[in-house]
Amino acid sequence: MDFRVVISDPKSGKAHQVELKEPGATKLIGRKIGDKIEGDFMGMPGYKLEITGGSDREGFPMRSDLPGTKRRKILLAGGIGYHPTSEGRKRRKTVRGRDIAQDVGQLNVKVVEYGSKSLEVLFGIASPEEAKK
């Protein structure tokens, strides 16, 4: 079981993608959208992250207002999973619940608290000397 985790940095507006393998991925099972997690098991000591969304392996999006882990066909008028072409149009779409399970393929998180090192240094994009500038 692997997750692709997209980490968004609100300060810089950049996003970084990390592949999370088995030992760290099991710590996310059972969490929900909106939960805050420690960044230690992803190699980001001192960081706090908030789960903002995701999708399963087939591409169905997760909705924060839908409890559970299963896929459901619900009537949507807008929001995550459906963007209507005209006002008032509704459509039945398949979406996934807010709880994280084994069949989730991608998780979206954002940084809430920052650690001592910058994200560019942690992910090997910039050297520590370049990050100080």
C-alpha atoms as a PDB file:
ATOM      1  CA  MET A   1       0.000   0.000   0.000  1.00  0.00           C
ATOM      2  CA  ASP A   2       1.535   3.292  -1.140  1.00  0.00           C
ATOM      3  CA  PHE A   3       0.171   6.829  -1.114  1.00  0.00           C
ATOM      4  CA  ARG A   4       1.160   9.745  -3.271  1.00  0.00           C
ATOM      5  CA  VAL A   5       1.113  12.765  -0.964  1.00  0.00           C
ATOM      6  CA  VAL A   6       0.926  16.287  -2.409  1.00  0.00           C
ATOM      7  CA  ILE A   7       2.224  18.792   0.162  1.00  0.00           C
ATOM      8  CA  SER A   8       1.121  22.389  -0.423  1.00  0.00           C
ATOM      9  CA  ASP A   9       3.091  25.269   1.044  1.00  0.00           C
ATOM     10  CA  PRO A  10       0.793  28.283   1.621  1.00  0.00           C
ATOM     11  CA  LYS A  11       3.748  30.658   2.122  1.00  0.00           C
ATOM     12  CA  SER A  12       5.422  30.051  -1.224  1.00  0.00           C
ATOM     13  CA  GLY A  13       2.403  28.756  -3.158  1.00  0.00           C
ATOM     14  CA  LYS A  14       4.373  25.681  -4.286  1.00  0.00           C
ATOM     15  CA  ALA A  15       3.412  22.019  -4.019  1.00  0.00           C
ATOM     16  CA  HIS A  16       5.738  19.062  -3.538  1.00  0.00           C
ATOM     17  CA  GLN A  17       4.924  15.431  -4.296  1.00  0.00           C
ATOM     18  CA  VAL A  18       6.156  12.609  -2.032  1.00  0.00           C
ATOM     19  CA  GLU A  19       5.710   8.849  -2.412  1.00  0.00           C
ATOM     20  CA  LEU A  20       4.786   7.422   1.022  1.00  0.00           C
ATOM     21  CA  LYS A  21       5.628   3.728   1.400  1.00  0.00           C
ATOM     22  CA  GLU A  22       4.335   1.044   3.771  1.00  0.00           C
ATOM     23  CA  PRO A  23       5.573   1.947   7.282  1.00  0.00           C
ATOM     24  CA  GLY A  24       4.453   5.575   7.116  1.00  0.00           C
ATOM     25  CA  ALA A  25       1.341   4.907   5.057  1.00  0.00           C
ATOM     26  CA  THR A  26      -0.237   2.699   7.719  1.00  0.00           C
ATOM     27  CA  LYS A  27      -0.170   5.640  10.164  1.00  0.00           C
ATOM     28  CA  LEU A  28      -2.640   7.500   7.919  1.00  0.00           C
ATOM     29  CA  ILE A  29      -5.249   4.723   7.766  1.00  0.00           C
ATOM     30  CA  GLY A  30      -8.386   5.763   9.646  1.00  0.00           C
ATOM     31  CA  ARG A  31      -7.625   9.499   9.560  1.00  0.00           C
ATOM     32  CA  LYS A  32     -10.146  11.957   8.099  1.00  0.00           C
ATOM     33  CA  ILE A  33     -10.080  15.062   5.957  1.00  0.00           C
ATOM     34  CA  GLY A  34      -9.412  17.970   8.302  1.00  0.00           C
ATOM     35  CA  ASP A  35      -7.206  16.012  10.724  1.00  0.00           C
ATOM     36  CA  LYS A  36      -3.821  17.431  11.637  1.00  0.00           C
ATOM     37  CA  ILE A  37      -0.835  15.073  11.497  1.00  0.00           C
ATOM     38  CA  GLU A  38       2.858  15.243  12.373  1.00  0.00           C
ATOM     39  CA  GLY A  39       5.300  15.389   9.476  1.00  0.00           C
ATOM     40  CA  ASP A  40       7.921  13.197  11.181  1.00  0.00           C
ATOM     41  CA  PHE A  41       7.010   9.944   9.399  1.00  0.00           C
ATOM     42  CA  MET A  42       7.266  11.704   6.009  1.00  0.00           C
ATOM     43  CA  GLY A  43      10.769  12.979   6.701  1.00  0.00           C
ATOM     44  CA  MET A  44       9.631  16.461   7.763  1.00  0.00           C
ATOM     45  CA  PRO A  45      10.561  16.857  11.452  1.00  0.00           C
ATOM     46  CA  GLY A  46       8.889  19.774  13.221  1.00  0.00           C
ATOM     47  CA  TYR A  47       6.180  20.204  10.579  1.00  0.00           C
ATOM     48  CA  LYS A  48       2.442  19.871  11.193  1.00  0.00           C
ATOM     49  CA  LEU A  49       0.207  19.057   8.226  1.00  0.00           C
ATOM     50  CA  GLU A  50      -3.545  19.181   7.672  1.00  0.00           C
ATOM     51  CA  ILE A  51      -5.292  16.683   5.385  1.00  0.00           C
ATOM     52  CA  THR A  52      -7.319  18.679   2.846  1.00  0.00           C
ATOM     53  CA  GLY A  53      -8.519  16.007   0.410  1.00  0.00           C
ATOM     54  CA  GLY A  54      -7.522  13.280  -1.984  1.00  0.00           C
ATOM     55  CA  SER A  55      -8.730  10.686  -4.443  1.00  0.00           C
ATOM     56  CA  ASP A  56      -8.759   6.926  -4.783  1.00  0.00           C
ATOM     57  CA  ARG A  57      -6.755   4.826  -7.235  1.00  0.00           C
ATOM     58  CA  GLU A  58      -9.459   5.144  -9.910  1.00  0.00           C
ATOM     59  CA  GLY A  59      -9.631   8.951  -9.586  1.00  0.00           C
ATOM     60  CA  PHE A  60     -12.840   9.424  -7.611  1.00  0.00           C
ATOM     61  CA  PRO A  61     -12.465  12.460  -5.294  1.00  0.00           C
ATOM     62  CA  MET A  62     -12.899  12.420  -1.523  1.00  0.00           C
ATOM     63  CA  ARG A  63     -15.532  14.726  -0.010  1.00  0.00           C
ATOM     64  CA  SER A  64     -15.189  16.091   3.517  1.00  0.00           C
ATOM     65  CA  ASP A  65     -18.963  16.080   4.141  1.00  0.00           C
ATOM     66  CA  LEU A  66     -19.429  12.380   3.314  1.00  0.00           C
ATOM     67  CA  PRO A  67     -18.634   9.995   6.207  1.00  0.00           C
ATOM     68  CA  GLY A  68     -17.025   6.602   5.675  1.00  0.00           C
ATOM     69  CA  THR A  69     -14.539   5.109   3.254  1.00  0.00           C
ATOM     70  CA  LYS A  70     -16.772   3.740   0.503  1.00  0.00           C
ATOM     71  CA  ARG A  71     -17.774   5.190  -2.843  1.00  0.00           C
ATOM     72  CA  ARG A  72     -21.297   6.509  -3.159  1.00  0.00           C
ATOM     73  CA  LYS A  73     -23.420   7.994  -5.919  1.00  0.00           C
ATOM     74  CA  ILE A  74     -24.863  11.196  -4.514  1.00  0.00           C
ATOM     75  CA  LEU A  75     -26.818  14.085  -6.004  1.00  0.00           C
ATOM     76  CA  LEU A  76     -24.509  17.108  -6.285  1.00  0.00           C
ATOM     77  CA  ALA A  77     -25.245  20.725  -7.113  1.00  0.00           C
ATOM     78  CA  GLY A  78     -21.607  21.813  -6.945  1.00  0.00           C
ATOM     79  CA  GLY A  79     -18.424  21.576  -4.956  1.00  0.00           C
ATOM     80  CA  ILE A  80     -15.898  18.768  -4.960  1.00  0.00           C
ATOM     81  CA  GLY A  81     -16.663  16.182  -7.626  1.00  0.00           C
ATOM     82  CA  TYR A  82     -18.986  18.287  -9.806  1.00  0.00           C
ATOM     83  CA  HIS A  83     -18.844  21.744 -11.342  1.00  0.00           C
ATOM     84  CA  PRO A  84     -22.170  22.528 -13.080  1.00  0.00           C
ATOM     85  CA  THR A  85     -22.238  24.336 -16.421  1.00  0.00           C
ATOM     86  CA  SER A  86     -25.296  26.365 -15.471  1.00  0.00           C
ATOM     87  CA  GLU A  87     -26.764  27.524 -12.167  1.00  0.00           C
ATOM     88  CA  GLY A  88     -29.186  25.136 -10.494  1.00  0.00           C
ATOM     89  CA  ARG A  89     -28.086  22.075 -12.455  1.00  0.00           C
ATOM     90  CA  LYS A  90     -27.724  18.912 -10.359  1.00  0.00           C
ATOM     91  CA  ARG A  91     -26.185  15.600 -11.245  1.00  0.00           C
ATOM     92  CA  ARG A  92     -25.635  12.236  -9.594  1.00  0.00           C
ATOM     93  CA  LYS A  93     -21.882  11.614  -9.313  1.00  0.00           C
ATOM     94  CA  THR A  94     -19.712   8.980  -7.657  1.00  0.00           C
ATOM     95  CA  VAL A  95     -17.502  10.281  -4.853  1.00  0.00           C
ATOM     96  CA  ARG A  96     -15.591   8.746  -1.945  1.00  0.00           C
ATOM     97  CA  GLY A  97     -16.040   9.346   1.787  1.00  0.00           C
ATOM     98  CA  ARG A  98     -13.708  11.403   3.958  1.00  0.00           C
ATOM     99  CA  ASP A  99     -11.943   8.551   5.797  1.00  0.00           C
ATOM    100  CA  ILE A 100      -8.588   7.280   4.512  1.00  0.00           C
ATOM    101  CA  ALA A 101      -8.465   3.591   3.555  1.00  0.00           C
ATOM    102  CA  GLN A 102      -6.057   1.298   1.674  1.00  0.00           C
ATOM    103  CA  ASP A 103      -7.519   2.103  -1.745  1.00  0.00           C
ATOM    104  CA  VAL A 104      -6.779   5.845  -1.557  1.00  0.00           C
ATOM    105  CA  GLY A 105      -4.182   6.728  -4.185  1.00  0.00           C
ATOM    106  CA  GLN A 106      -3.450  10.396  -3.532  1.00  0.00           C
ATOM    107  CA  LEU A 107      -3.670  12.587  -0.455  1.00  0.00           C
ATOM    108  CA  ASN A 108      -3.560  16.363  -0.449  1.00  0.00           C
ATOM    109  CA  VAL A 109      -2.109  18.047   2.635  1.00  0.00           C
ATOM    110  CA  LYS A 110      -1.102  21.591   3.507  1.00  0.00           C
ATOM    111  CA  VAL A 111       1.506  22.872   5.925  1.00  0.00           C
ATOM    112  CA  VAL A 112       0.046  24.328   9.132  1.00  0.00           C
ATOM    113  CA  GLU A 113       3.216  24.668  11.241  1.00  0.00           C
ATOM    114  CA  TYR A 114       6.735  24.958   9.859  1.00  0.00           C
ATOM    115  CA  GLY A 115       9.867  23.214  11.083  1.00  0.00           C
ATOM    116  CA  SER A 116      13.436  24.493  11.315  1.00  0.00           C
ATOM    117  CA  LYS A 117      14.432  23.505   7.750  1.00  0.00           C
ATOM    118  CA  SER A 118      12.641  24.713   4.622  1.00  0.00           C
ATOM    119  CA  LEU A 119      10.748  22.302   2.373  1.00  0.00           C
ATOM    120  CA  GLU A 120      13.202  22.834  -0.505  1.00  0.00           C
ATOM    121  CA  VAL A 121      16.080  21.650   1.691  1.00  0.00           C
ATOM    122  CA  LEU A 122      14.118  18.649   3.013  1.00  0.00           C
ATOM    123  CA  PHE A 123      13.204  17.460  -0.488  1.00  0.00           C
ATOM    124  CA  GLY A 124      16.673  18.104  -1.931  1.00  0.00           C
ATOM    125  CA  ILE A 125      15.625  20.875  -4.323  1.00  0.00           C
ATOM    126  CA  ALA A 126      17.925  23.511  -2.825  1.00  0.00           C
ATOM    127  CA  SER A 127      21.058  23.351  -0.696  1.00  0.00           C
ATOM    128  CA  PRO A 128      20.953  24.833   2.834  1.00  0.00           C
ATOM    129  CA  GLU A 129      23.075  27.800   1.679  1.00  0.00           C
ATOM    130  CA  GLU A 130      20.634  28.671  -1.119  1.00  0.00           C
ATOM    131  CA  ALA A 131      17.643  28.443   1.234  1.00  0.00           C
ATOM    132  CA  LYS A 132      19.078  31.121   3.553  1.00  0.00           C
ATOM    133  CA  LYS A 133      19.111  33.732   0.768  1.00  0.00           C
END
